[in-house]
Amino acid sequence: MSEEQFTNISMIVCLSGLIIFMGFIIWDLGKKSQAGKLGTAILFLVLGFGVSGFIFKNVLVEFLVMGKK
């Protein structure tokens, strides 16, 4: 396994773990603040936009890099 392959695999695994952990933090924040179902859904929606933006940026960069090759 080359260093590049290891880096790519570890980035995917670590970022997936971080995103799952952030989801748990948002759920815990909604529970501790007694936000209810609607409030927790809004928390996931608003705070999830940051995560989805990060993922979208990476996908967009990959398509742009692949398009130039």
Protein backbone atom coordinates (compact mmCIF):
# COMPACT_ATOMS: atom_id res chain seq x y z
CA MET A 1 0.00 0.00 0.00
CA SER A 2 1.45 3.33 -1.01
CA GLU A 3 1.40 6.45 1.12
CA GLU A 4 -1.13 8.07 -1.22
CA GLN A 5 -3.54 5.14 -0.92
CA PHE A 6 -3.18 5.11 2.86
CA THR A 7 -3.79 8.87 3.02
CA ASN A 8 -6.93 8.63 0.87
CA ILE A 9 -8.37 5.73 2.87
CA SER A 10 -7.56 7.31 6.23
CA MET A 11 -9.08 10.64 5.19
CA ILE A 12 -12.32 8.94 4.18
CA VAL A 13 -12.49 6.90 7.39
CA CYS A 14 -11.53 9.76 9.71
CA LEU A 15 -13.81 12.32 8.07
CA SER A 16 -16.72 9.87 8.13
CA GLY A 17 -16.11 9.29 11.84
CA LEU A 18 -15.93 13.04 12.44
CA ILE A 19 -19.20 13.65 10.58
CA ILE A 20 -20.94 10.89 12.57
CA PHE A 21 -19.55 12.35 15.80
CA MET A 22 -20.79 15.82 14.81
CA GLY A 23 -24.24 14.31 14.23
CA PHE A 24 -24.16 12.91 17.76
CA ILE A 25 -23.14 16.32 19.12
CA ILE A 26 -26.06 18.00 17.33
CA TRP A 27 -28.47 15.36 18.65
CA ASP A 28 -27.11 15.78 22.18
CA LEU A 29 -27.37 19.57 21.90
CA GLY A 30 -31.03 19.27 20.90
CA LYS A 31 -31.72 16.85 23.74
CA LYS A 32 -29.99 18.89 26.46
CA SER A 33 -31.59 22.15 25.34
CA GLN A 34 -35.03 20.46 25.28
CA ALA A 35 -35.56 21.66 21.72
CA GLY A 36 -38.18 19.04 20.88
CA LYS A 37 -38.54 17.21 17.60
CA LEU A 38 -38.93 20.31 15.43
CA GLY A 39 -36.08 22.16 17.13
CA THR A 40 -33.77 19.17 16.81
CA ALA A 41 -34.69 18.82 13.13
CA ILE A 42 -33.90 22.51 12.59
CA LEU A 43 -30.57 22.08 14.38
CA PHE A 44 -29.70 19.16 12.11
CA LEU A 45 -30.78 21.12 9.04
CA VAL A 46 -28.89 24.32 9.84
CA LEU A 47 -25.75 22.80 11.33
CA GLY A 48 -25.79 20.04 8.74
CA PHE A 49 -25.46 22.63 5.97
CA GLY A 50 -21.84 23.15 7.02
CA VAL A 51 -21.08 19.45 6.72
CA SER A 52 -22.91 19.13 3.41
CA GLY A 53 -21.08 22.21 2.11
CA PHE A 54 -17.75 20.63 3.00
CA ILE A 55 -18.70 17.39 1.25
CA PHE A 56 -20.04 19.26 -1.80
CA LYS A 57 -16.80 21.25 -2.04
CA ASN A 58 -14.72 18.07 -2.08
CA VAL A 59 -16.95 16.46 -4.72
CA LEU A 60 -16.83 19.60 -6.86
CA VAL A 61 -13.04 19.81 -6.63
CA GLU A 62 -12.72 16.14 -7.62
CA PHE A 63 -14.91 16.68 -10.69
CA LEU A 64 -12.96 19.79 -11.68
CA VAL A 65 -9.61 18.00 -11.26
CA MET A 66 -10.86 14.94 -13.16
CA GLY A 67 -12.19 17.20 -15.91
CA LYS A 68 -8.76 18.70 -16.53
CA LYS A 69 -7.03 15.33 -16.95
